[in-house]
Protein backbone atom coordinates (compact mmCIF):
# COMPACT_ATOMS: atom_id res chain seq x y z
CA MET A 1 0.00 0.00 0.00
CA ARG A 2 2.70 2.51 1.02
CA LYS A 3 4.89 1.60 -1.97
CA LYS A 4 1.97 2.12 -4.35
CA ARG A 5 1.25 5.54 -2.89
CA VAL A 6 4.93 6.59 -3.23
CA LEU A 7 4.98 5.42 -6.84
CA ARG A 8 1.72 7.23 -7.47
CA VAL A 9 3.12 10.50 -6.05
CA LEU A 10 6.31 10.12 -8.09
CA GLY A 11 4.29 9.43 -11.22
CA ARG A 12 2.17 12.50 -10.68
CA GLY A 13 5.29 14.60 -10.07
CA LEU A 14 6.80 13.31 -13.30
CA ILE A 15 3.64 14.20 -15.19
CA VAL A 16 3.78 17.76 -13.79
CA LEU A 17 7.44 18.09 -14.84
CA VAL A 18 6.63 16.88 -18.33
CA ALA A 19 3.78 19.38 -18.54
CA LEU A 20 6.07 22.15 -17.26
CA PHE A 21 8.72 21.57 -19.93
CA LEU A 22 6.67 20.20 -22.82
CA VAL A 23 5.32 23.49 -24.22
CA PRO A 24 8.64 25.37 -23.76
CA GLY A 25 10.46 22.43 -25.36
CA VAL A 26 8.19 22.42 -28.39
CA GLU A 27 8.56 26.20 -28.72
CA PHE A 28 12.35 25.90 -28.51
CA LEU A 29 12.49 23.27 -31.25
CA ILE A 30 10.23 25.33 -33.51
CA SER A 31 12.27 28.50 -32.93
CA ALA A 32 15.61 26.74 -33.43
CA ARG A 33 14.49 25.12 -36.67
CA SER A 34 12.93 28.35 -37.90
CA PHE A 35 16.08 30.36 -37.19
CA ALA A 36 18.29 27.74 -38.83
CA SER A 37 16.28 27.99 -42.04
CA TYR A 38 16.34 31.81 -41.87
CA ARG A 39 20.13 32.26 -41.43
CA TYR A 40 21.00 31.46 -45.06
CA ALA A 41 17.55 31.55 -46.62
CA PRO A 42 17.79 31.68 -50.44
CA PRO A 43 17.41 35.17 -51.94
CA ALA A 44 13.98 36.20 -53.15
CA ALA A 45 15.60 37.61 -56.30
CA LYS A 46 16.76 34.82 -58.61
CA ARG A 47 17.75 36.90 -61.63
CA LEU A 48 21.09 38.69 -61.91
CA PRO A 49 20.65 42.48 -61.80
CA ALA A 50 22.18 44.44 -64.65
CA VAL A 51 25.35 45.51 -62.82
CA ALA A 52 28.80 45.50 -64.38
CA PRO A 53 31.80 43.96 -62.59
CA PRO A 54 34.40 46.42 -61.28
CA VAL A 55 37.19 47.63 -63.55
CA HIS A 56 40.42 45.65 -63.21
CA ALA A 57 43.67 47.54 -62.55
CA PRO A 58 46.48 45.36 -63.99
CA GLY A 59 49.23 46.84 -61.81
CA LYS A 60 47.61 45.97 -58.48
CA PRO A 61 47.61 42.66 -56.57
CA THR A 62 44.28 40.86 -56.82
CA VAL A 63 42.33 39.55 -53.83
CA ALA A 64 39.45 37.10 -54.32
CA ILE A 65 36.95 36.75 -51.47
CA VAL A 66 35.06 33.51 -52.05
CA VAL A 67 31.31 33.18 -51.56
CA GLY A 68 29.80 29.72 -51.99
CA ASN A 69 26.66 29.04 -54.00
CA ALA A 70 24.84 28.63 -50.67
CA GLY A 71 26.23 31.90 -49.30
CA ALA A 72 28.83 32.99 -46.75
CA ASN A 73 29.18 34.63 -43.37
CA VAL A 74 28.45 38.35 -43.59
CA ALA A 75 31.28 39.52 -41.30
CA ASP A 76 33.85 37.05 -42.64
CA THR A 77 33.14 38.36 -46.15
CA LEU A 78 32.60 42.09 -45.73
CA VAL A 79 35.13 42.94 -43.01
CA PRO A 80 38.23 41.76 -44.97
CA TYR A 81 36.74 43.29 -48.12
CA ASP A 82 36.39 46.74 -46.53
CA VAL A 83 39.81 46.68 -44.85
CA LEU A 84 41.53 45.70 -48.12
CA ALA A 85 39.50 48.00 -50.38
CA SER A 86 40.07 50.99 -48.10
CA THR A 87 43.79 50.96 -48.97
CA GLY A 88 43.17 51.50 -52.69
CA LYS A 89 46.12 49.22 -53.41
CA PHE A 90 44.30 46.01 -54.41
CA ASN A 91 41.81 44.69 -56.89
CA VAL A 92 39.30 43.19 -54.45
CA TYR A 93 36.61 40.92 -55.89
CA THR A 94 33.89 38.80 -54.39
CA VAL A 95 33.90 35.59 -56.42
CA ALA A 96 31.57 32.59 -56.49
CA PRO A 97 31.15 29.40 -58.51
CA GLU A 98 28.16 31.10 -60.17
CA ARG A 99 27.37 34.80 -60.49
CA ARG A 100 23.88 35.27 -59.11
CA PRO A 101 22.40 36.80 -55.92
CA LEU A 102 23.73 34.84 -52.93
CA PRO A 103 22.79 35.11 -49.24
CA LEU A 104 25.13 36.44 -46.61
CA LEU A 105 24.35 35.43 -43.04
CA GLY A 106 21.37 37.36 -41.69
CA GLY A 107 19.43 38.02 -44.86
CA LEU A 108 21.76 40.31 -46.83
CA ASP A 109 21.88 39.26 -50.49
CA LEU A 110 25.10 39.92 -52.40
CA VAL A 111 25.72 39.93 -56.15
CA PRO A 112 29.28 38.54 -56.54
CA ASP A 113 31.58 40.63 -58.70
CA VAL A 114 32.67 37.68 -60.85
CA ASP A 115 32.47 33.90 -61.01
CA PHE A 116 35.47 31.55 -61.09
CA VAL A 117 35.63 31.50 -64.90
CA GLN A 118 35.34 35.28 -65.24
CA LEU A 119 38.08 35.81 -62.66
CA SER A 120 40.38 33.42 -64.53
CA ARG A 121 39.84 35.41 -67.71
CA ARG A 122 40.63 38.67 -65.97
CA LEU A 123 43.87 37.22 -64.62
CA ASP A 124 44.82 35.40 -67.84
CA GLY A 125 44.66 32.06 -66.07
CA ARG A 126 46.83 33.14 -63.13
CA ALA A 127 45.80 32.57 -59.54
CA PRO A 128 44.74 35.59 -57.48
CA ASP A 129 47.52 36.92 -55.30
CA VAL A 130 45.33 36.38 -52.23
CA THR A 131 42.22 34.26 -51.68
CA VAL A 132 40.04 34.86 -48.61
CA VAL A 133 37.86 31.93 -47.53
CA PRO A 134 35.05 32.90 -45.12
CA GLU A 135 32.69 30.59 -43.28
CA MET A 136 30.15 29.07 -45.65
CA PRO A 137 27.09 26.96 -44.86
CA SER A 138 27.64 23.30 -45.60
CA ASP A 139 26.32 22.47 -49.05
CA LYS A 140 27.54 19.39 -50.90
CA ASP A 141 27.65 20.82 -54.41
CA SER A 142 28.96 24.24 -53.41
CA ASP A 143 31.61 22.73 -51.13
CA ARG A 144 32.79 20.44 -53.91
CA ARG A 145 33.22 23.31 -56.36
CA VAL A 146 34.91 25.65 -53.87
CA ILE A 147 37.29 22.94 -52.64
CA ALA A 148 38.25 21.99 -56.21
CA TRP A 149 38.97 25.65 -57.03
CA LEU A 150 41.04 26.09 -53.87
CA ARG A 151 43.19 23.08 -54.82
CA SER A 152 43.61 23.91 -58.49
CA THR A 153 43.83 27.70 -58.43
CA ALA A 154 43.89 29.49 -55.08
CA SER A 155 46.66 27.26 -53.71
CA ARG A 156 49.08 28.89 -56.18
CA GLY A 157 48.76 32.17 -54.24
CA LEU A 158 48.32 33.20 -50.61
CA VAL A 159 45.23 31.71 -48.96
CA MET A 160 43.64 33.21 -45.84
CA SER A 161 40.83 31.40 -44.04
CA VAL A 162 38.49 33.32 -41.76
CA CYS A 163 36.68 31.65 -38.86
CA THR A 164 35.36 28.23 -39.95
CA GLY A 165 36.37 28.94 -43.50
CA ALA A 166 39.27 26.81 -42.25
CA ARG A 167 36.96 23.83 -42.78
CA LEU A 168 37.06 24.22 -46.54
CA VAL A 169 40.78 25.01 -46.64
CA ALA A 170 41.43 21.89 -44.55
CA ASP A 171 39.10 19.84 -46.77
CA ALA A 172 41.23 20.98 -49.71
CA GLY A 173 44.28 19.53 -47.96
CA LEU A 174 46.03 22.89 -47.65
CA LEU A 175 46.42 22.75 -43.86
CA ASP A 176 47.80 19.22 -43.39
CA GLY A 177 50.96 19.30 -41.30
CA ARG A 178 50.57 23.02 -40.57
CA GLU A 179 49.65 25.02 -37.50
CA ALA A 180 46.21 26.57 -37.94
CA THR A 181 43.46 28.24 -35.98
CA THR A 182 39.75 28.89 -36.32
CA HIS A 183 36.82 30.13 -34.21
CA TRP A 184 37.16 28.84 -30.65
CA TYR A 185 33.55 27.60 -30.66
CA ARG A 186 34.17 25.25 -33.62
CA LEU A 187 37.78 24.28 -32.99
CA SER A 188 37.10 20.93 -31.29
CA GLY A 189 34.94 19.74 -34.18
CA LEU A 190 37.62 20.63 -36.72
CA GLN A 191 40.24 18.91 -34.60
CA ASP A 192 38.24 15.69 -34.83
CA ALA A 193 37.59 16.09 -38.57
CA HIS A 194 41.19 17.01 -39.48
CA PRO A 195 43.68 15.39 -37.08
CA ALA A 196 46.59 16.02 -39.49
CA VAL A 197 46.29 19.77 -38.79
CA HIS A 198 48.03 21.22 -35.72
CA TRP A 199 45.17 23.30 -34.38
CA ARG A 200 45.93 26.11 -31.92
CA ARG A 201 43.58 27.97 -29.60
CA GLY A 202 43.92 31.53 -28.29
CA VAL A 203 45.57 33.21 -31.32
CA ARG A 204 44.04 35.79 -33.64
CA TYR A 205 45.88 34.50 -36.68
CA LEU A 206 48.68 32.17 -37.71
CA ASP A 207 50.94 33.00 -40.65
CA ASP A 208 52.41 29.85 -42.19
CA GLY A 209 53.95 30.96 -45.46
CA ASN A 210 51.34 30.72 -48.22
CA VAL A 211 48.49 30.06 -45.77
CA ILE A 212 47.14 32.37 -43.07
CA THR A 213 44.36 31.18 -40.76
CA THR A 214 42.43 33.51 -38.48
CA GLY A 215 40.16 33.06 -35.51
CA GLY A 216 36.51 33.99 -35.65
CA LEU A 217 34.84 36.97 -37.26
CA LEU A 218 36.63 40.12 -36.07
CA SER A 219 39.95 38.30 -35.77
CA SER A 220 39.82 38.62 -39.55
CA VAL A 221 40.77 42.29 -39.15
CA ASP A 222 44.15 41.28 -37.75
CA GLY A 223 44.64 38.58 -40.37
CA THR A 224 43.75 41.02 -43.16
CA LEU A 225 46.17 43.62 -41.80
CA ARG A 226 48.85 40.92 -41.87
CA VAL A 227 48.08 40.31 -45.55
CA ILE A 228 48.41 44.05 -46.21
CA GLU A 229 51.73 44.10 -44.33
CA ARG A 230 53.09 41.35 -46.54
CA LEU A 231 51.92 42.78 -49.86
CA ALA A 232 51.89 46.55 -49.27
CA GLY A 233 53.92 47.24 -46.13
CA ALA A 234 53.33 48.00 -42.45
CA ASP A 235 52.60 51.69 -43.05
CA THR A 236 49.73 50.81 -45.37
CA ALA A 237 48.42 48.29 -42.84
CA ALA A 238 48.55 50.88 -40.04
CA ALA A 239 46.69 53.37 -42.23
CA ALA A 240 44.02 50.76 -43.01
CA ALA A 241 43.56 50.06 -39.29
CA ARG A 242 43.05 53.78 -38.63
CA THR A 243 40.62 54.10 -41.53
CA VAL A 244 38.29 51.40 -40.19
CA GLY A 245 38.75 52.47 -36.54
CA TRP A 246 40.56 49.29 -35.41
CA ARG A 247 42.50 50.20 -32.26
CA HIS A 248 44.17 46.85 -31.74
CA TYR A 249 46.61 46.63 -34.63
CA SER A 250 49.78 44.77 -33.62
CA PRO A 251 52.41 45.17 -36.37
CA GLY A 252 54.16 41.98 -37.40
CA VAL A 253 52.59 39.71 -34.78
CA PRO A 254 49.03 38.77 -33.83
CA ALA A 255 47.49 40.56 -30.86
CA SER A 256 46.93 38.41 -27.79
CA MET A 257 43.57 36.77 -27.24
CA PRO A 258 42.18 34.68 -24.35
CA LYS A 259 41.50 30.97 -24.85
CA SER A 260 37.75 31.31 -24.89
CA ARG A 261 35.39 28.47 -24.00
CA LEU A 262 31.64 28.18 -23.56
CA SER A 263 30.60 28.97 -19.98
CA PRO A 264 27.31 27.87 -18.36
CA SER A 265 26.04 31.47 -18.30
CA ASN A 266 26.88 31.88 -22.01
CA ALA A 267 24.97 28.70 -22.79
CA ILE A 268 21.89 29.82 -20.83
CA VAL A 269 21.83 33.24 -22.52
CA HIS A 270 22.29 31.62 -25.93
CA LEU A 271 19.46 29.13 -25.40
CA LEU A 272 17.10 31.78 -24.04
CA ASN A 273 17.63 34.02 -27.07
CA LEU A 274 17.43 31.23 -29.61
CA GLY A 275 14.36 29.55 -28.16
CA TYR A 276 12.32 32.40 -26.76
CA ARG A 277 13.27 35.67 -28.48
CA SER A 278 14.55 34.97 -32.01
CA ARG A 279 11.08 34.38 -33.49
CA THR A 280 9.57 37.49 -31.93
CA SER A 281 12.26 40.11 -32.63
CA THR A 282 13.08 41.47 -36.10
CA VAL A 283 15.35 44.38 -36.99
CA GLY A 284 14.80 46.10 -40.32
CA VAL A 285 18.15 47.20 -41.78
CA VAL A 286 17.76 50.02 -44.30
CA LEU A 287 20.39 49.89 -47.06
CA THR A 288 21.59 53.12 -48.65
CA ASP A 289 24.06 53.77 -51.46
CA GLY A 290 27.59 54.43 -50.23
CA VAL A 291 27.27 52.47 -46.99
CA GLY A 292 30.53 50.94 -45.79
CA GLU A 293 30.87 47.19 -46.05
CA LEU A 294 32.12 46.90 -42.48
CA GLU A 295 29.23 49.10 -41.36
CA LEU A 296 26.80 46.68 -42.99
CA ALA A 297 28.45 43.70 -41.32
CA SER A 298 28.28 45.44 -37.93
CA VAL A 299 24.47 45.49 -38.05
CA PHE A 300 23.72 42.10 -39.60
CA SER A 301 26.35 39.97 -37.88
CA PRO A 302 25.77 40.49 -34.12
CA TYR A 303 22.07 39.52 -34.13
CA ALA A 304 22.54 36.54 -36.43
CA GLU A 305 25.61 35.16 -34.66
CA VAL A 306 23.95 34.87 -31.25
CA LYS A 307 20.51 34.15 -32.74
CA ALA A 308 18.92 36.96 -30.75
CA ALA A 309 16.90 38.49 -33.57
CA ARG A 310 16.27 38.34 -37.28
CA THR A 311 17.46 41.02 -39.63
CA VAL A 312 15.90 41.93 -42.96
CA ALA A 313 17.48 44.12 -45.64
CA ILE A 314 15.19 46.98 -46.72
CA ALA A 315 15.73 49.64 -49.40
CA SER A 316 13.83 52.06 -51.56
CA THR A 317 15.60 50.85 -54.72
CA ALA A 318 15.97 47.48 -56.44
CA THR A 319 19.74 47.37 -55.79
CA VAL A 320 22.17 49.20 -53.51
CA ARG A 321 25.87 49.91 -54.13
CA SER A 322 28.23 50.00 -51.18
CA ARG A 323 31.13 52.39 -50.61
CA HIS A 324 33.64 50.28 -52.55
CA GLY A 325 31.25 49.04 -55.21
CA LEU A 326 29.57 45.84 -53.98
CA THR A 327 25.99 45.28 -55.13
CA PHE A 328 23.26 44.17 -52.73
CA VAL A 329 19.63 43.23 -53.39
CA PRO A 330 17.16 44.10 -50.58
CA ARG A 331 14.51 41.62 -49.50
CA ALA A 332 11.88 44.23 -48.65
CA ARG A 333 10.93 47.69 -49.90
CA LEU A 334 10.99 50.77 -47.73
CA ASP A 335 7.37 51.67 -48.46
CA GLY A 336 6.33 48.49 -46.62
CA ALA A 337 8.83 48.83 -43.77
CA GLY A 338 7.52 48.20 -40.30
CA ASP A 339 4.88 45.63 -41.13
CA ASP A 340 7.01 42.87 -39.63
CA VAL A 341 9.85 44.70 -37.84
CA ASP A 342 10.27 46.04 -34.32
CA ARG A 343 12.64 48.85 -35.29
CA LEU A 344 14.64 50.26 -38.18
CA MET A 345 18.41 50.63 -38.19
CA VAL A 346 20.24 52.62 -40.88
CA PRO A 347 23.94 51.71 -40.98
CA GLY A 348 26.62 54.05 -42.29
CA THR A 349 28.26 57.32 -41.38
CA THR A 350 27.10 58.84 -44.67
CA ALA A 351 23.45 57.98 -43.99
CA ALA A 352 23.74 59.32 -40.44
CA ALA A 353 25.23 62.60 -41.65
CA ASN A 354 22.48 63.08 -44.24
CA PRO A 355 19.29 61.45 -42.92
CA ASP A 356 16.77 60.59 -45.61
CA PRO A 357 13.31 62.05 -44.84
CA GLU A 358 11.74 59.11 -46.65
CA ILE A 359 13.25 56.71 -44.10
CA ALA A 360 11.98 58.81 -41.19
CA ALA A 361 8.52 58.91 -42.76
CA ALA A 362 8.53 55.12 -43.16
CA ALA A 363 9.41 54.70 -39.48
CA ARG A 364 6.60 57.05 -38.44
CA ARG A 365 4.06 55.23 -40.60
CA ALA A 366 5.08 51.92 -39.09
CA GLY A 367 5.24 53.29 -35.55
CA VAL A 368 8.70 51.81 -34.90
CA PRO A 369 11.90 53.38 -33.52
CA LEU A 370 14.52 54.61 -36.00
CA GLU A 371 18.21 54.32 -35.20
CA TYR A 372 21.36 55.58 -36.95
CA PRO A 373 24.10 53.64 -35.13
CA HIS A 374 27.09 55.23 -36.91
CA ARG A 375 26.63 58.89 -36.01
CA GLN A 376 30.09 59.06 -34.44
CA PRO A 377 33.44 57.94 -35.93
CA GLY A 378 35.03 54.78 -34.61
CA PHE A 379 34.89 51.05 -35.12
CA ALA A 380 31.49 50.23 -36.59
CA PHE A 381 30.63 47.35 -34.24
CA ASP A 382 30.91 49.43 -31.04
CA PRO A 383 27.63 51.38 -31.28
CA VAL A 384 25.71 48.33 -32.46
CA LEU A 385 26.85 46.31 -29.45
CA ARG A 386 25.92 49.20 -27.15
CA SER A 387 22.51 49.30 -28.80
CA MET A 388 22.12 45.57 -28.23
CA ALA A 389 23.00 45.98 -24.53
CA ARG A 390 20.51 48.84 -24.21
CA THR A 391 17.57 47.37 -26.12
CA PHE A 392 18.08 43.69 -25.26
CA ASP A 393 20.36 43.21 -22.24
CA ARG A 394 24.02 43.35 -21.23
CA PRO A 395 24.60 39.56 -20.97
CA THR A 396 23.43 39.10 -24.57
CA ALA A 397 25.75 41.90 -25.72
CA ARG A 398 28.69 40.41 -23.79
CA TRP A 399 28.01 36.98 -25.30
CA THR A 400 27.90 38.60 -28.73
CA SER A 401 31.27 40.26 -28.13
CA LYS A 402 32.73 36.92 -27.15
CA ILE A 403 31.37 35.19 -30.25
CA LEU A 404 32.72 38.04 -32.40
CA GLU A 405 36.11 37.74 -30.67
CA TYR A 406 35.87 41.39 -29.73
CA ARG A 407 36.45 41.36 -26.00
CA SER A 408 37.29 45.05 -25.70
CA ALA A 409 33.87 46.30 -26.75
CA ASP A 410 32.58 49.18 -24.61
CA LEU A 411 28.94 48.27 -23.93
CA GLY A 412 28.11 51.28 -21.77
CA PRO A 413 26.23 51.27 -18.45
CA SER A 414 22.64 51.00 -19.70
CA GLY A 415 20.51 47.95 -20.37
CA PRO A 416 18.85 45.15 -18.37
CA SER A 417 21.15 42.95 -16.29
CA TRP A 418 19.54 39.74 -17.57
CA PRO A 419 17.56 38.60 -20.66
CA TRP A 420 14.27 38.96 -18.81
CA THR A 421 12.04 39.02 -21.90
CA PRO A 422 12.91 35.49 -23.11
CA THR A 423 13.08 34.27 -19.50
CA LEU A 424 9.52 35.44 -18.83
CA ARG A 425 8.38 33.92 -22.10
CA LEU A 426 9.91 30.60 -21.05
CA ALA A 427 8.17 30.81 -17.65
CA LEU A 428 4.80 31.67 -19.20
CA LEU A 429 5.05 28.76 -21.64
CA GLY A 430 5.81 26.46 -18.72
CA LEU A 431 2.76 27.74 -16.88
CA VAL A 432 0.65 27.13 -19.99
CA GLY A 433 1.72 23.49 -19.91
CA VAL A 434 0.89 23.12 -16.21
CA ALA A 435 -2.45 24.88 -16.71
CA ALA A 436 -3.28 22.55 -19.58
CA LEU A 437 -2.50 19.56 -17.37
CA ALA A 438 -4.75 20.96 -14.63
CA VAL A 439 -7.59 21.39 -17.11
CA VAL A 440 -7.17 17.83 -18.32
CA ARG A 441 -7.16 16.45 -14.76
CA ILE A 442 -10.20 18.49 -13.72
CA THR A 443 -12.08 17.42 -16.84
CA ALA A 444 -11.18 13.78 -16.26
CA ARG A 445 -12.32 14.03 -12.63
CA LEU A 446 -15.64 15.59 -13.62
CA ILE A 447 -16.22 12.91 -16.23
CA THR A 448 -15.37 10.14 -13.77
CA THR A 449 -17.54 11.65 -11.02
CA GLY A 450 -20.45 12.03 -13.42
CA SER A 451 -20.03 8.43 -14.55
CA LEU A 452 -20.08 7.14 -10.94
CA ARG A 453 -23.17 9.14 -10.11
CA SER A 454 -24.90 7.83 -13.20
CA ARG A 455 -24.05 4.25 -12.19
CA THR A 456 -25.38 4.85 -8.67
CA THR A 457 -28.61 6.34 -9.97
CA ASN A 458 -29.10 3.42 -12.33
CA ARG A 459 -28.53 0.88 -9.56
CA GLU A 460 -31.01 2.60 -7.26
CA ALA A 461 -33.55 2.65 -10.02
CA ASP A 462 -32.97 -1.05 -10.70
CA GLY A 463 -33.18 -1.93 -6.98
CA SER A 464 -29.67 -3.41 -6.93
CA PRO A 465 -28.75 -5.25 -3.67
CA ASP A 466 -25.89 -2.88 -2.77
CA GLY A 467 -28.35 -0.01 -2.48
CA GLY A 468 -26.41 2.05 -4.96
CA ARG A 469 -23.25 2.12 -2.79
CA ASN A 470 -20.07 3.02 -4.67
CA THR A 471 -17.92 -0.11 -4.46
CA LEU A 472 -14.27 0.77 -5.07
CA ASP A 473 -11.32 -1.45 -4.21
CA GLU A 474 -9.49 -0.42 -1.06
CA ASP A 475 -6.36 0.58 -2.98
CA GLU A 476 -8.27 2.49 -5.67
CA GLU A 477 -8.42 6.24 -5.28
CA GLU A 478 -10.64 8.59 -7.10
CA PRO A 479 -8.45 10.57 -9.57
């Protein structure tokens, strides 16, 4: 009897726990799957806009920044591009297996300057002097074509991997027997996949002759400055660092970096944002002609990397040209801005200095806040991270800085001390599950009680010998 009661109590407790976590668990799985499909969602525009590739200057070294047919990481692609292009001493091209609109992480669609064949024609069959390999989403066909090109062509020049772009460079066999690095969050997985590579943690970049590997995301600034040192000199590299506002340039050697690892608090913040905020928060990013490539990356990358919000590219024109000539295709038009966004952000110092009344009018119509993050000079990511701390919370902004490998970010004093919005959403979903269980139990009890009363009434009417008494076994309890 006692054992049965203990088991019954434990069973009921287990049912309550399942009810408590069932609805939040389902919501988490839906949000995680939804965000995964959003990160590199195919562009809405399938046709190639009528934009001409940039003019080639024969006397300059050529840098090819590779974008796979399934896309590439927005910061890994645009940050090196901007740093290199700002010097004016390189032909800098974005290149892909096929020239068509391709997604950068976070919903920014890029039209590559050239494809592999067109680049070969421009260089008369020579390899580019430098090839930059950013992180790319795993795609069997795209990976195959990029890896083949790295082996046959890029390997004849200097190759620089950014973040988990090291995966493709390693798959091409270009890192075997070498020291290499990558993003700290993915390093263990690459160690298992490529044991012939001597992976190192806690370095911003490693220069091994004709291959340079960098850590994650903003470590690419240091790796790119190293490339500039080698091809154009330290003075040019120092000038490039000043131009983009990078205060951490370390001539000749990589700047120090802690050996980062995932902490329990990081994991909790990450899961809260992914499961209980990412589907409900959307930032509209308004693209304007002349915007800096690094400025674009500073708005799209932070939210997508930590999965805290979705970003959508908005413009008033069919295409937008960046400061150094890249072409982007927006996914939404400005006249419809605000229908599905919580706020509008307009990246770029040029846009901040000359605000467009049409953008302000669109924000007013939609009833959403309007923000120009780059009103002041400096490194473009700083104001965006401060905005994230202020509008979301400081732990999310700190986690973002860690993922970006930008530990020195000044987040400012404002902002919630914890991600309370997703935490409360998690708690409410748990209560919904418990409430649903209570409703089910009460309904079942009412049905059972009604059934017993009906049986008793029937027995009394039939004159049954037990006089209508409810005969339950001793060990049976009414639910």
